[in-house]
Amino acid sequence: MKSLTPFIIILTTLSCTSHDIMIGKNILIKEFPQEVKLTGERVDITSIGVNDIFVVDTFLICFKADGLDDFFDIYSTNTYQSLGKFLSPGRGPDEFLNAIYMGQYFKDSLNTYMWVKDGALMKLVLFNVTESIRQQKTILDSCIYLSEDCRGECFVLGDTLISIVNSSYNHILNTYDLKKDTLSQQPIIMFSDPLKNEHQYLFGMTNQLRSDHKRFVSNMANFNQINIFSPQFTDIITLSLYEPTVSMKEISFIPERERIRYFSGLQITDSSIYALYINLPTPIFREHNKNVEIQQFDWEGTPIRKFIITNDIIYFTLDTRHKCIYTFKDNEEIDKYDISDYF
């Protein structure tokens, strides 16, 4: 229960106070103390139909959103040897209609586990990565069927599920008691579209929770802003990149296809935040020949450096064990960038 305390404080504070996370201690970042140009090397991965990549412990996982030959292709980060394909498409007990890694994994003396959510079947599973590779079949150590209140990105904290839901023109934070199968707090509106456009989803937040559960960070596809949340939610740091954050009202009037895609990825360590800054119109952000930046900050919002990548990447993942960045392009090419000198 101890690990839940910071989030319980967050929720208690929010339920008593009106907040707008677009307004906080704003820091306008106009430049970075250090600029590093990275040169990568191609990783020999043979997966087909990959949509994204992520590193879990010593495993490089290729995610295939349509479940082509299973949702996860797993490789060793030491050798890039294929370790198997897992999480099959379907409606069976060990099958998925979609399979989203929630950004949380943990280890015990024997195995590595990761939380995976199926937003279509509304189930939350604990995928035993090590045992699945050993047996060459999907091994799930638990499966919980969720309420509709738990849509969106989630964090698992013991028996509590924190769910951040992009619900039409509201962005809502729910707290769900997994044991009692019920909401443990009233839903909290984090922020809203002032024009209440019911058929628009403005925010597109990506969230990452620090391993000590005391802070989490978000960035948003259509806003040039990063938000860092303190344990009590009383100190919200907002980082505006290069110019003041575009207002919600201004974004609301821009047709969706004409909006700028500012961010397309977020990774963290206990000491740093890494954000992939694209800054391109939505229709071409996947097909561009413009440099992109992976921006690094500390948890107080202080800029540390930016890595310049002269490649049309759209996503990235961080390998803390090998001190490198893996990047992903729309043509499914994966490159590795050594950042050991800056780690």
Protein backbone atom coordinates (compact mmCIF):
# COMPACT_ATOMS: atom_id res chain seq x y z
CA MET A 1 0.00 0.00 0.00
CA LYS A 2 2.93 2.30 0.61
CA SER A 3 3.56 2.79 -3.12
CA LEU A 4 0.00 4.05 -3.62
CA THR A 5 0.32 6.97 -1.22
CA PRO A 6 1.51 9.64 -3.71
CA PHE A 7 -1.32 8.93 -6.12
CA ILE A 8 -3.96 8.86 -3.37
CA ILE A 9 -2.70 12.31 -2.36
CA ILE A 10 -2.94 13.44 -5.99
CA LEU A 11 -6.53 12.31 -6.25
CA THR A 12 -7.61 13.79 -2.92
CA THR A 13 -6.11 17.15 -3.86
CA LEU A 14 -7.65 17.15 -7.31
CA SER A 15 -11.10 16.26 -6.06
CA CYS A 16 -11.09 19.31 -3.82
CA THR A 17 -9.49 21.80 -6.19
CA SER A 18 -10.07 23.02 -9.72
CA HIS A 19 -6.93 22.57 -11.85
CA ASP A 20 -6.03 23.13 -15.44
CA ILE A 21 -2.86 21.28 -16.36
CA MET A 22 -2.25 23.66 -19.24
CA ILE A 23 -1.56 26.32 -16.62
CA GLY A 24 1.26 25.72 -14.18
CA LYS A 25 4.76 26.93 -13.48
CA ASN A 26 5.51 27.49 -17.13
CA ILE A 27 9.06 27.38 -18.44
CA LEU A 28 9.69 28.57 -21.97
CA ILE A 29 12.57 26.52 -23.40
CA LYS A 30 14.25 28.49 -26.17
CA GLU A 31 17.53 26.58 -26.32
CA PHE A 32 19.39 23.61 -24.87
CA PRO A 33 22.80 23.75 -23.16
CA GLN A 34 24.13 21.00 -25.41
CA GLU A 35 23.33 19.82 -28.93
CA VAL A 36 24.55 16.38 -30.02
CA LYS A 37 24.28 15.00 -33.55
CA LEU A 38 23.86 11.25 -33.51
CA THR A 39 24.82 8.72 -36.15
CA GLY A 40 23.05 5.39 -36.04
CA GLU A 41 23.55 1.87 -37.30
CA ARG A 42 20.88 -0.40 -38.79
CA VAL A 43 19.59 -3.22 -36.60
CA ASP A 44 19.04 -6.49 -38.43
CA ILE A 45 15.45 -7.27 -37.45
CA THR A 46 13.32 -9.38 -39.79
CA SER A 47 9.84 -8.66 -38.42
CA ILE A 48 7.18 -7.54 -40.91
CA GLY A 49 4.21 -5.28 -40.17
CA VAL A 50 5.80 -3.52 -37.19
CA ASN A 51 4.15 -0.32 -35.91
CA ASP A 52 6.30 0.51 -32.87
CA ILE A 53 9.16 -0.78 -30.73
CA PHE A 54 9.98 -0.82 -27.02
CA VAL A 55 12.64 -2.22 -24.72
CA VAL A 56 11.69 -4.26 -21.66
CA ASP A 57 14.72 -5.29 -19.59
CA THR A 58 16.93 -7.22 -22.07
CA PHE A 59 14.21 -7.65 -24.69
CA LEU A 60 13.58 -5.57 -27.80
CA ILE A 61 9.90 -5.96 -28.64
CA CYS A 62 8.42 -5.19 -32.05
CA PHE A 63 4.72 -4.37 -31.78
CA LYS A 64 2.35 -5.17 -34.66
CA ALA A 65 -0.98 -3.41 -34.21
CA ASP A 66 -2.91 -5.75 -36.52
CA GLY A 67 -1.56 -8.89 -34.84
CA LEU A 68 0.13 -10.20 -38.00
CA ASP A 69 1.82 -13.45 -36.85
CA ASP A 70 1.07 -12.37 -33.26
CA PHE A 71 1.26 -8.90 -31.68
CA PHE A 72 4.78 -9.13 -30.17
CA ASP A 73 8.01 -10.23 -31.87
CA ILE A 74 10.70 -10.43 -29.20
CA TYR A 75 14.45 -10.16 -29.74
CA SER A 76 17.46 -10.16 -27.42
CA THR A 77 19.02 -6.72 -26.96
CA ASN A 78 22.37 -8.49 -26.52
CA THR A 79 22.42 -10.46 -29.78
CA TYR A 80 19.27 -9.40 -31.73
CA GLN A 81 18.44 -13.08 -31.93
CA SER A 82 14.72 -13.80 -32.37
CA LEU A 83 13.25 -15.18 -29.14
CA GLY A 84 9.74 -15.87 -30.41
CA LYS A 85 6.32 -14.45 -31.31
CA PHE A 86 3.62 -14.00 -28.68
CA LEU A 87 0.09 -12.71 -27.97
CA SER A 88 -2.04 -14.12 -30.78
CA PRO A 89 -5.05 -12.29 -32.27
CA GLY A 90 -8.50 -13.62 -31.38
CA ARG A 91 -11.12 -13.72 -28.65
CA GLY A 92 -9.85 -16.72 -26.70
CA PRO A 93 -8.60 -16.64 -23.07
CA ASP A 94 -4.99 -16.02 -24.12
CA GLU A 95 -5.78 -14.03 -27.26
CA PHE A 96 -6.18 -10.31 -28.01
CA LEU A 97 -7.98 -7.94 -30.33
CA ASN A 98 -5.33 -5.38 -29.53
CA ALA A 99 -2.41 -5.57 -27.14
CA ILE A 100 -0.94 -2.34 -25.76
CA TYR A 101 2.12 -2.36 -23.53
CA MET A 102 1.40 -0.01 -20.63
CA GLY A 103 5.00 1.06 -20.07
CA GLN A 104 5.34 -0.87 -16.82
CA TYR A 105 7.37 -4.00 -16.21
CA PHE A 106 9.01 -5.62 -13.22
CA LYS A 107 11.28 -8.54 -12.35
CA ASP A 108 11.60 -11.11 -9.63
CA SER A 109 14.40 -13.63 -9.08
CA LEU A 110 13.20 -15.77 -11.99
CA ASN A 111 11.19 -13.80 -14.54
CA THR A 112 10.42 -10.51 -16.24
CA TYR A 113 6.76 -9.46 -16.40
CA MET A 114 4.98 -6.69 -18.27
CA TRP A 115 1.48 -5.21 -18.04
CA VAL A 116 -0.50 -5.39 -21.29
CA LYS A 117 -3.99 -4.04 -21.91
CA ASP A 118 -6.55 -5.01 -24.54
CA GLY A 119 -8.74 -1.93 -25.02
CA ALA A 120 -11.21 -3.80 -27.23
CA LEU A 121 -11.84 -6.76 -24.91
CA MET A 122 -11.19 -4.50 -21.88
CA LYS A 123 -8.84 -6.89 -20.16
CA LEU A 124 -5.60 -6.29 -18.30
CA VAL A 125 -3.00 -9.07 -18.27
CA LEU A 126 0.36 -9.73 -16.69
CA PHE A 127 2.47 -11.18 -19.49
CA ASN A 128 5.29 -13.42 -18.23
CA VAL A 129 7.97 -12.64 -20.81
CA THR A 130 10.66 -15.01 -19.53
CA GLU A 131 8.41 -18.05 -19.15
CA SER A 132 6.75 -17.38 -22.51
CA ILE A 133 10.15 -17.43 -24.22
CA ARG A 134 11.10 -20.58 -22.31
CA GLN A 135 7.93 -22.44 -23.33
CA GLN A 136 7.54 -20.71 -26.72
CA LYS A 137 3.89 -19.88 -26.04
CA THR A 138 2.05 -16.97 -24.42
CA ILE A 139 2.01 -17.29 -20.63
CA LEU A 140 -0.28 -14.89 -18.73
CA ASP A 141 0.09 -14.89 -14.94
CA SER A 142 -3.12 -12.94 -14.40
CA CYS A 143 -6.05 -11.56 -16.37
CA ILE A 144 -8.48 -8.91 -15.11
CA TYR A 145 -11.55 -7.77 -17.03
CA LEU A 146 -12.07 -4.03 -16.68
CA SER A 147 -14.96 -1.60 -16.53
CA GLU A 148 -15.56 0.87 -19.38
CA ASP A 149 -14.33 3.52 -16.92
CA CYS A 150 -10.81 2.18 -17.46
CA ARG A 151 -10.39 3.09 -21.11
CA GLY A 152 -7.26 5.03 -22.01
CA GLU A 153 -3.67 4.87 -20.80
CA CYS A 154 -3.24 3.19 -17.41
CA PHE A 155 -0.83 2.72 -14.53
CA VAL A 156 -1.03 -0.26 -12.19
CA LEU A 157 -0.20 0.53 -8.56
CA GLY A 158 -0.82 -2.54 -6.42
CA ASP A 159 -4.57 -3.12 -6.42
CA THR A 160 -5.29 0.31 -7.91
CA LEU A 161 -5.51 1.23 -11.58
CA ILE A 162 -4.95 4.86 -12.59
CA SER A 163 -6.61 5.48 -15.96
CA ILE A 164 -6.18 8.64 -18.04
CA VAL A 165 -9.01 8.78 -20.56
CA ASN A 166 -9.35 11.06 -23.58
CA SER A 167 -13.13 11.27 -23.45
CA SER A 168 -14.44 13.49 -26.23
CA TYR A 169 -13.69 17.07 -25.17
CA ASN A 170 -12.66 16.15 -21.61
CA HIS A 171 -9.47 14.53 -20.38
CA ILE A 172 -10.37 12.47 -17.32
CA LEU A 173 -8.36 10.76 -14.60
CA ASN A 174 -10.07 7.71 -13.03
CA THR A 175 -8.96 5.68 -10.03
CA TYR A 176 -10.19 2.09 -10.09
CA ASP A 177 -10.08 -0.50 -7.29
CA LEU A 178 -9.17 -3.76 -9.02
CA LYS A 179 -10.17 -5.92 -6.04
CA LYS A 180 -13.60 -4.35 -5.60
CA ASP A 181 -14.11 -3.87 -9.35
CA THR A 182 -15.31 -0.31 -8.89
CA LEU A 183 -14.20 3.31 -9.08
CA SER A 184 -12.57 4.35 -5.82
CA GLN A 185 -12.90 8.11 -6.48
CA GLN A 186 -15.16 10.32 -8.53
CA PRO A 187 -13.72 10.88 -12.02
CA ILE A 188 -11.56 13.99 -12.18
CA ILE A 189 -11.57 16.28 -15.20
CA MET A 190 -7.93 17.18 -15.76
CA PHE A 191 -8.76 19.69 -18.50
CA SER A 192 -11.34 20.39 -21.18
CA ASP A 193 -11.69 21.82 -24.65
CA PRO A 194 -13.33 25.22 -23.95
CA LEU A 195 -15.35 24.97 -27.18
CA LYS A 196 -16.60 21.48 -26.25
CA ASN A 197 -16.02 19.91 -29.65
CA GLU A 198 -17.59 16.53 -29.01
CA HIS A 199 -16.11 14.84 -32.07
CA GLN A 200 -12.53 16.05 -31.64
CA TYR A 201 -9.77 14.51 -29.56
CA LEU A 202 -7.39 17.38 -29.03
CA PHE A 203 -4.98 16.18 -26.44
CA GLY A 204 -3.50 12.82 -27.47
CA MET A 205 -1.44 12.54 -24.31
CA THR A 206 1.42 10.09 -23.83
CA ASN A 207 2.19 9.42 -20.16
CA GLN A 208 5.09 7.85 -18.28
CA LEU A 209 5.21 7.05 -14.56
CA ARG A 210 8.54 7.21 -12.73
CA SER A 211 9.57 3.95 -11.03
CA ASP A 212 9.17 5.40 -7.51
CA HIS A 213 5.53 6.32 -8.41
CA LYS A 214 6.07 9.87 -7.17
CA ARG A 215 5.93 11.71 -10.47
CA PHE A 216 4.59 11.25 -13.93
CA VAL A 217 5.11 13.21 -17.11
CA SER A 218 3.04 13.74 -20.23
CA ASN A 219 3.41 15.25 -23.65
CA MET A 220 0.73 15.84 -26.25
CA ALA A 221 0.74 15.36 -29.99
CA ASN A 222 -0.84 18.71 -30.90
CA PHE A 223 0.60 20.99 -28.22
CA ASN A 224 4.26 22.07 -27.93
CA GLN A 225 4.17 21.37 -24.21
CA ILE A 226 5.43 18.82 -21.68
CA ASN A 227 3.75 18.53 -18.26
CA ILE A 228 5.51 17.27 -15.12
CA PHE A 229 3.28 16.40 -12.17
CA SER A 230 4.40 16.51 -8.55
CA PRO A 231 3.15 13.98 -5.93
CA GLN A 232 0.59 16.38 -4.45
CA PHE A 233 -0.37 17.76 -7.88
CA THR A 234 0.09 21.23 -6.38
CA ASP A 235 3.24 21.92 -8.38
CA ILE A 236 2.68 21.38 -12.10
CA ILE A 237 5.63 22.26 -14.30
CA THR A 238 4.81 22.98 -17.92
CA LEU A 239 7.56 23.22 -20.50
CA SER A 240 6.77 25.15 -23.68
CA LEU A 241 9.18 24.41 -26.49
CA TYR A 242 10.69 27.31 -28.46
CA GLU A 243 7.53 29.45 -28.28
CA PRO A 244 4.53 29.80 -25.95
CA THR A 245 2.15 26.84 -26.01
CA VAL A 246 -0.53 26.98 -28.67
CA SER A 247 -3.89 27.57 -26.98
CA MET A 248 -6.70 25.00 -26.90
CA LYS A 249 -9.00 27.46 -28.63
CA GLU A 250 -6.55 28.02 -31.46
CA ILE A 251 -6.05 24.27 -31.95
CA SER A 252 -9.82 23.73 -31.95
CA PHE A 253 -10.23 25.90 -35.04
CA ILE A 254 -7.49 24.15 -37.04
CA PRO A 255 -8.72 21.18 -39.12
CA GLU A 256 -7.28 17.96 -37.78
CA ARG A 257 -5.22 17.20 -40.88
CA GLU A 258 -3.63 20.66 -40.78
CA ARG A 259 -2.49 20.52 -37.15
CA ILE A 260 1.17 20.38 -36.23
CA ARG A 261 2.40 17.11 -34.76
CA TYR A 262 4.76 18.34 -32.06
CA PHE A 263 5.61 15.18 -30.11
CA SER A 264 5.69 11.52 -31.07
CA GLY A 265 7.21 9.62 -28.19
CA LEU A 266 8.17 9.82 -24.53
CA GLN A 267 10.69 7.79 -22.51
CA ILE A 268 11.98 8.25 -18.97
CA THR A 269 14.58 7.17 -16.45
CA ASP A 270 14.60 7.98 -12.74
CA SER A 271 16.75 11.02 -13.51
CA SER A 272 15.69 12.17 -16.98
CA ILE A 273 12.81 12.70 -19.40
CA TYR A 274 13.31 12.09 -23.15
CA ALA A 275 10.79 13.42 -25.68
CA LEU A 276 10.76 13.03 -29.46
CA TYR A 277 10.03 16.45 -30.95
CA ILE A 278 8.77 16.27 -34.55
CA ASN A 279 7.20 19.73 -35.19
CA LEU A 280 5.68 18.88 -38.57
CA PRO A 281 2.18 19.01 -40.10
CA THR A 282 0.24 15.84 -39.30
CA PRO A 283 -0.12 14.59 -42.92
CA ILE A 284 3.65 14.44 -43.48
CA PHE A 285 5.10 13.66 -40.05
CA ARG A 286 5.61 10.02 -41.13
CA GLU A 287 7.21 10.95 -44.45
CA HIS A 288 9.73 13.71 -44.02
CA ASN A 289 13.40 14.42 -44.56
CA LYS A 290 13.74 16.94 -41.77
CA ASN A 291 15.94 16.60 -38.69
CA VAL A 292 14.14 15.65 -35.52
CA GLU A 293 15.12 16.11 -31.88
CA ILE A 294 15.10 13.84 -28.88
CA GLN A 295 15.02 16.37 -26.06
CA GLN A 296 16.35 15.51 -22.61
CA PHE A 297 15.22 17.21 -19.36
CA ASP A 298 15.56 16.52 -15.67
CA TRP A 299 12.45 16.05 -13.52
CA GLU A 300 12.46 19.74 -12.55
CA GLY A 301 12.05 20.66 -16.21
CA THR A 302 15.62 21.86 -16.69
CA PRO A 303 16.80 21.21 -20.28
CA ILE A 304 19.93 19.04 -20.41
CA ARG A 305 20.57 18.47 -24.11
CA LYS A 306 18.95 17.65 -27.41
CA PHE A 307 20.01 14.84 -29.70
CA ILE A 308 19.72 15.66 -33.40
CA ILE A 309 18.81 12.75 -35.66
CA THR A 310 19.02 13.32 -39.41
CA ASN A 311 16.53 10.63 -40.21
CA ASP A 312 12.77 10.50 -40.69
CA ILE A 313 12.02 8.60 -37.48
CA ILE A 314 8.55 8.57 -35.96
CA TYR A 315 9.06 6.66 -32.66
CA PHE A 316 11.89 5.72 -30.33
CA THR A 317 12.66 3.65 -27.27
CA LEU A 318 15.40 3.83 -24.65
CA ASP A 319 17.67 0.93 -23.63
CA THR A 320 19.11 1.91 -20.25
CA ARG A 321 21.15 -1.29 -19.84
CA HIS A 322 23.08 -0.77 -23.09
CA LYS A 323 22.86 3.04 -22.97
CA CYS A 324 21.42 3.50 -26.41
CA ILE A 325 18.37 4.71 -28.28
CA TYR A 326 16.49 2.63 -30.83
CA THR A 327 14.51 4.53 -33.45
CA PHE A 328 11.73 3.41 -35.75
CA LYS A 329 10.76 4.65 -39.22
CA ASP A 330 7.50 4.27 -41.07
CA ASN A 331 9.20 1.84 -43.48
CA GLU A 332 9.87 -0.38 -40.42
CA GLU A 333 13.62 0.24 -40.33
CA ILE A 334 15.14 0.18 -36.84
CA ASP A 335 18.38 2.02 -36.02
CA LYS A 336 20.51 2.06 -32.90
CA TYR A 337 22.22 5.19 -31.53
CA ASP A 338 24.90 4.99 -28.86
CA ILE A 339 24.44 7.59 -26.10
CA SER A 340 26.79 6.03 -23.52
CA ASP A 341 28.82 9.29 -23.38
CA TYR A 342 25.70 11.17 -22.25
CA PHE A 343 24.05 8.70 -19.92
